[in-house]
Amino acid sequence: ERLVPAKVPGAVQLDWARATGLPDHNYADNFTQYAWMEDVYWHYRAHLPQSHGPVTFVCGGVDYHFIVRWMVMLFMTRRECSRLLRFRCRTDRGAA
């Protein structure tokens, strides 16, 4: 497993390209070097600062199936998300 920095909002293909030095996908046939990325799974991971109250998770514009895990519990799974999702999470291993 290799972790690379991601920009949010952004695109996983461009995050990978920045990290690995792929050429600009808009130039000539460079886009062919990006084709394999449509057929693999990507994981985003974030470490949040410690909070003494609820935190709010916001996401939107996810093209494919995604799963949100909070601490060790499965919080949400969806096929796609074209609208903005917002929900609050407690920091004591529960969900609000």
N, C-alpha and C. Protein backbone atom coordinates (compact mmCIF):
# COMPACT_ATOMS: atom_id res chain seq x y z
N GLU A 1 0.84 -1.18 0.00
CA GLU A 1 0.00 0.00 0.00
C GLU A 1 0.89 1.24 0.00
N ARG A 2 0.63 2.12 -0.94
CA ARG A 2 1.39 3.37 -1.03
C ARG A 2 0.44 4.53 -0.79
N LEU A 3 0.79 5.40 0.11
CA LEU A 3 -0.02 6.58 0.39
C LEU A 3 0.59 7.79 -0.29
N VAL A 4 -0.25 8.59 -0.94
CA VAL A 4 0.21 9.82 -1.59
C VAL A 4 -0.70 10.97 -1.13
N PRO A 5 -0.18 12.18 -1.09
CA PRO A 5 -1.00 13.33 -0.70
C PRO A 5 -2.13 13.56 -1.70
N ALA A 6 -3.28 13.95 -1.19
CA ALA A 6 -4.44 14.22 -2.05
C ALA A 6 -4.92 15.65 -1.84
N LYS A 7 -5.45 16.22 -2.90
CA LYS A 7 -6.09 17.54 -2.80
C LYS A 7 -7.59 17.33 -2.82
N VAL A 8 -8.28 17.99 -1.91
CA VAL A 8 -9.73 17.88 -1.84
C VAL A 8 -10.30 19.29 -1.88
N PRO A 9 -11.20 19.60 -2.81
CA PRO A 9 -11.70 18.70 -3.83
C PRO A 9 -10.63 18.44 -4.89
N GLY A 10 -10.79 17.34 -5.59
CA GLY A 10 -9.81 16.98 -6.60
C GLY A 10 -10.18 15.69 -7.29
N ALA A 11 -9.20 15.06 -7.89
CA ALA A 11 -9.40 13.79 -8.60
C ALA A 11 -8.25 12.86 -8.25
N VAL A 12 -8.57 11.64 -7.96
CA VAL A 12 -7.54 10.69 -7.55
C VAL A 12 -6.49 10.50 -8.64
N GLN A 13 -6.91 10.55 -9.89
CA GLN A 13 -5.96 10.39 -10.99
C GLN A 13 -4.90 11.51 -10.97
N LEU A 14 -5.34 12.72 -10.69
CA LEU A 14 -4.40 13.84 -10.66
C LEU A 14 -3.51 13.78 -9.42
N ASP A 15 -4.06 13.29 -8.30
CA ASP A 15 -3.24 13.10 -7.10
C ASP A 15 -2.12 12.10 -7.38
N TRP A 16 -2.47 10.99 -8.02
CA TRP A 16 -1.47 9.96 -8.34
C TRP A 16 -0.44 10.51 -9.33
N ALA A 17 -0.91 11.26 -10.32
CA ALA A 17 -0.01 11.83 -11.32
C ALA A 17 1.01 12.77 -10.67
N ARG A 18 0.55 13.62 -9.75
CA ARG A 18 1.47 14.52 -9.06
C ARG A 18 2.51 13.74 -8.26
N ALA A 19 2.07 12.70 -7.58
CA ALA A 19 2.97 11.93 -6.72
C ALA A 19 3.98 11.09 -7.50
N THR A 20 3.60 10.66 -8.69
CA THR A 20 4.47 9.74 -9.45
C THR A 20 5.12 10.38 -10.67
N GLY A 21 4.81 11.65 -10.92
CA GLY A 21 5.45 12.35 -12.04
C GLY A 21 4.90 12.02 -13.41
N LEU A 22 3.63 11.59 -13.48
CA LEU A 22 3.04 11.33 -14.80
C LEU A 22 2.93 12.65 -15.57
N PRO A 23 3.02 12.58 -16.90
CA PRO A 23 2.92 13.80 -17.71
C PRO A 23 1.48 14.32 -17.74
N ASP A 24 1.32 15.56 -18.17
CA ASP A 24 0.01 16.21 -18.28
C ASP A 24 -0.92 15.37 -19.16
N HIS A 25 -2.06 15.00 -18.62
CA HIS A 25 -3.00 14.15 -19.36
C HIS A 25 -3.67 14.87 -20.53
N ASN A 26 -3.57 16.18 -20.57
CA ASN A 26 -4.18 16.96 -21.65
C ASN A 26 -3.28 17.05 -22.89
N TYR A 27 -2.06 16.56 -22.80
CA TYR A 27 -1.12 16.71 -23.90
C TYR A 27 -0.97 15.41 -24.69
N ALA A 28 -1.11 15.50 -26.00
CA ALA A 28 -0.94 14.37 -26.93
C ALA A 28 -1.72 13.15 -26.45
N ASP A 29 -1.07 11.99 -26.41
CA ASP A 29 -1.78 10.77 -25.98
C ASP A 29 -1.40 10.37 -24.55
N ASN A 30 -0.96 11.34 -23.75
CA ASN A 30 -0.59 11.06 -22.36
C ASN A 30 -1.75 10.47 -21.56
N PHE A 31 -2.98 10.76 -21.96
CA PHE A 31 -4.14 10.24 -21.25
C PHE A 31 -4.14 8.72 -21.19
N THR A 32 -3.46 8.07 -22.12
CA THR A 32 -3.44 6.60 -22.11
C THR A 32 -2.71 6.05 -20.88
N GLN A 33 -1.81 6.83 -20.30
CA GLN A 33 -1.09 6.40 -19.11
C GLN A 33 -1.98 6.45 -17.86
N TYR A 34 -3.16 7.04 -17.98
CA TYR A 34 -4.09 7.18 -16.87
C TYR A 34 -5.22 6.15 -16.92
N ALA A 35 -5.36 5.45 -18.03
CA ALA A 35 -6.52 4.57 -18.24
C ALA A 35 -6.67 3.50 -17.17
N TRP A 36 -5.61 2.90 -16.71
CA TRP A 36 -5.68 1.82 -15.72
C TRP A 36 -6.30 2.27 -14.40
N MET A 37 -6.27 3.57 -14.12
CA MET A 37 -6.74 4.09 -12.84
C MET A 37 -8.25 3.97 -12.66
N GLU A 38 -8.97 3.77 -13.74
CA GLU A 38 -10.43 3.62 -13.66
C GLU A 38 -10.83 2.25 -13.14
N ASP A 39 -9.92 1.29 -13.14
CA ASP A 39 -10.25 -0.09 -12.79
C ASP A 39 -9.66 -0.55 -11.46
N VAL A 40 -9.27 0.38 -10.60
CA VAL A 40 -8.71 0.02 -9.30
C VAL A 40 -9.44 0.77 -8.20
N TYR A 41 -9.30 0.27 -6.98
CA TYR A 41 -9.91 0.92 -5.82
C TYR A 41 -8.93 1.90 -5.21
N TRP A 42 -9.45 2.99 -4.72
CA TRP A 42 -8.64 4.02 -4.08
C TRP A 42 -9.16 4.23 -2.67
N HIS A 43 -8.26 4.49 -1.76
CA HIS A 43 -8.62 4.75 -0.36
C HIS A 43 -8.11 6.13 0.02
N TYR A 44 -8.98 6.90 0.62
CA TYR A 44 -8.57 8.18 1.20
C TYR A 44 -8.57 8.00 2.71
N ARG A 45 -7.58 8.56 3.33
CA ARG A 45 -7.45 8.45 4.78
C ARG A 45 -7.13 9.84 5.32
N ALA A 46 -7.74 10.16 6.45
CA ALA A 46 -7.47 11.45 7.08
C ALA A 46 -7.37 11.25 8.59
N HIS A 47 -6.46 11.96 9.18
CA HIS A 47 -6.33 11.98 10.63
C HIS A 47 -6.88 13.31 11.10
N LEU A 48 -7.87 13.24 11.96
CA LEU A 48 -8.51 14.45 12.46
C LEU A 48 -7.94 14.80 13.83
N PRO A 49 -7.82 16.09 14.11
CA PRO A 49 -7.35 16.47 15.43
C PRO A 49 -8.36 16.04 16.50
N GLN A 50 -7.87 15.80 17.70
CA GLN A 50 -8.75 15.37 18.78
C GLN A 50 -9.79 16.46 19.04
N SER A 51 -11.03 16.03 19.22
CA SER A 51 -12.12 16.95 19.47
C SER A 51 -12.84 16.51 20.74
N HIS A 52 -13.33 17.47 21.48
CA HIS A 52 -14.07 17.15 22.71
C HIS A 52 -15.56 17.26 22.49
N GLY A 53 -15.99 17.33 21.27
CA GLY A 53 -17.40 17.41 20.94
C GLY A 53 -17.63 16.80 19.57
N PRO A 54 -18.85 16.93 19.04
CA PRO A 54 -19.15 16.36 17.72
C PRO A 54 -18.31 17.01 16.61
N VAL A 55 -18.00 16.25 15.59
CA VAL A 55 -17.37 16.78 14.38
C VAL A 55 -18.33 16.58 13.23
N THR A 56 -18.21 17.37 12.19
CA THR A 56 -19.09 17.27 11.04
C THR A 56 -18.30 16.76 9.85
N PHE A 57 -18.81 15.71 9.22
CA PHE A 57 -18.20 15.14 8.02
C PHE A 57 -19.03 15.62 6.83
N VAL A 58 -18.37 16.16 5.80
CA VAL A 58 -19.05 16.67 4.62
C VAL A 58 -18.39 16.07 3.39
N CYS A 59 -19.18 15.53 2.47
CA CYS A 59 -18.62 15.06 1.20
C CYS A 59 -19.66 15.24 0.11
N GLY A 60 -19.19 15.25 -1.12
CA GLY A 60 -20.08 15.38 -2.26
C GLY A 60 -19.32 15.14 -3.54
N GLY A 61 -20.02 14.77 -4.58
CA GLY A 61 -19.41 14.58 -5.87
C GLY A 61 -18.56 13.32 -5.98
N VAL A 62 -18.91 12.28 -5.24
CA VAL A 62 -18.19 11.01 -5.33
C VAL A 62 -18.79 10.22 -6.49
N ASP A 63 -17.96 9.82 -7.44
CA ASP A 63 -18.46 9.18 -8.66
C ASP A 63 -18.86 7.72 -8.50
N TYR A 64 -18.20 7.02 -7.58
CA TYR A 64 -18.39 5.58 -7.50
C TYR A 64 -18.77 5.17 -6.10
N HIS A 65 -18.87 3.88 -5.88
CA HIS A 65 -19.19 3.34 -4.57
C HIS A 65 -18.20 3.82 -3.52
N PHE A 66 -18.70 4.20 -2.37
CA PHE A 66 -17.79 4.61 -1.31
C PHE A 66 -18.30 4.16 0.05
N ILE A 67 -17.38 4.04 0.97
CA ILE A 67 -17.67 3.63 2.34
C ILE A 67 -17.00 4.64 3.27
N VAL A 68 -17.73 5.06 4.28
CA VAL A 68 -17.17 5.96 5.30
C VAL A 68 -17.09 5.17 6.60
N ARG A 69 -15.91 5.15 7.18
CA ARG A 69 -15.72 4.52 8.48
C ARG A 69 -15.32 5.59 9.48
N TRP A 70 -15.96 5.54 10.63
CA TRP A 70 -15.63 6.48 11.71
C TRP A 70 -15.16 5.65 12.87
N MET A 71 -13.92 5.86 13.26
CA MET A 71 -13.25 5.04 14.26
C MET A 71 -13.27 3.60 13.73
N VAL A 72 -13.94 2.67 14.35
CA VAL A 72 -13.94 1.30 13.83
C VAL A 72 -15.29 0.88 13.29
N MET A 73 -16.29 1.76 13.29
CA MET A 73 -17.61 1.34 12.83
C MET A 73 -17.89 1.81 11.41
N LEU A 74 -18.66 1.01 10.69
CA LEU A 74 -19.11 1.38 9.36
C LEU A 74 -20.17 2.44 9.52
N PHE A 75 -19.96 3.59 8.90
CA PHE A 75 -20.86 4.71 9.10
C PHE A 75 -21.81 4.90 7.93
N MET A 76 -21.31 4.71 6.71
CA MET A 76 -22.15 4.93 5.54
C MET A 76 -21.57 4.20 4.35
N THR A 77 -22.44 3.66 3.52
CA THR A 77 -22.02 3.09 2.24
C THR A 77 -23.06 3.50 1.19
N ARG A 78 -22.58 3.96 0.05
CA ARG A 78 -23.48 4.43 -1.02
C ARG A 78 -22.89 4.09 -2.37
N ARG A 79 -23.73 4.08 -3.37
CA ARG A 79 -23.28 3.82 -4.73
C ARG A 79 -22.65 5.03 -5.38
N GLU A 80 -23.20 6.19 -5.17
CA GLU A 80 -22.59 7.42 -5.66
C GLU A 80 -23.20 8.58 -4.91
N CYS A 81 -22.62 9.72 -5.04
CA CYS A 81 -23.07 10.87 -4.27
C CYS A 81 -22.93 12.12 -5.12
N SER A 82 -24.01 12.52 -5.77
CA SER A 82 -23.95 13.72 -6.58
C SER A 82 -24.39 14.95 -5.78
N ARG A 83 -24.95 14.71 -4.58
CA ARG A 83 -25.36 15.84 -3.74
C ARG A 83 -24.45 15.91 -2.52
N LEU A 84 -24.51 17.00 -1.83
CA LEU A 84 -23.69 17.21 -0.65
C LEU A 84 -24.25 16.40 0.53
N LEU A 85 -23.40 15.63 1.17
CA LEU A 85 -23.77 14.89 2.38
C LEU A 85 -23.10 15.55 3.57
N ARG A 86 -23.84 15.67 4.64
CA ARG A 86 -23.31 16.27 5.86
C ARG A 86 -23.88 15.49 7.03
N PHE A 87 -23.02 15.01 7.91
CA PHE A 87 -23.51 14.39 9.14
C PHE A 87 -22.53 14.60 10.27
N ARG A 88 -23.06 14.58 11.47
CA ARG A 88 -22.26 14.83 12.66
C ARG A 88 -21.87 13.52 13.31
N CYS A 89 -20.67 13.46 13.84
CA CYS A 89 -20.15 12.26 14.48
C CYS A 89 -19.68 12.61 15.88
N ARG A 90 -20.01 11.77 16.83
CA ARG A 90 -19.50 11.95 18.19
C ARG A 90 -18.10 11.37 18.25
N THR A 91 -17.32 11.83 19.18
CA THR A 91 -15.95 11.33 19.33
C THR A 91 -15.87 10.19 20.33
N ASP A 92 -17.00 9.74 20.88
CA ASP A 92 -16.98 8.67 21.87
C ASP A 92 -17.45 7.35 21.26
N ARG A 93 -17.02 7.06 20.02
CA ARG A 93 -17.33 5.83 19.29
C ARG A 93 -18.81 5.67 18.97
N GLY A 94 -19.52 6.75 18.85
CA GLY A 94 -20.92 6.70 18.47
C GLY A 94 -21.18 7.64 17.32
N ALA A 95 -22.40 7.69 16.88
CA ALA A 95 -22.78 8.60 15.81
C ALA A 95 -23.98 9.41 16.25
N ALA A 96 -24.01 10.67 15.90
CA ALA A 96 -25.13 11.53 16.26
C ALA A 96 -26.13 11.59 15.13
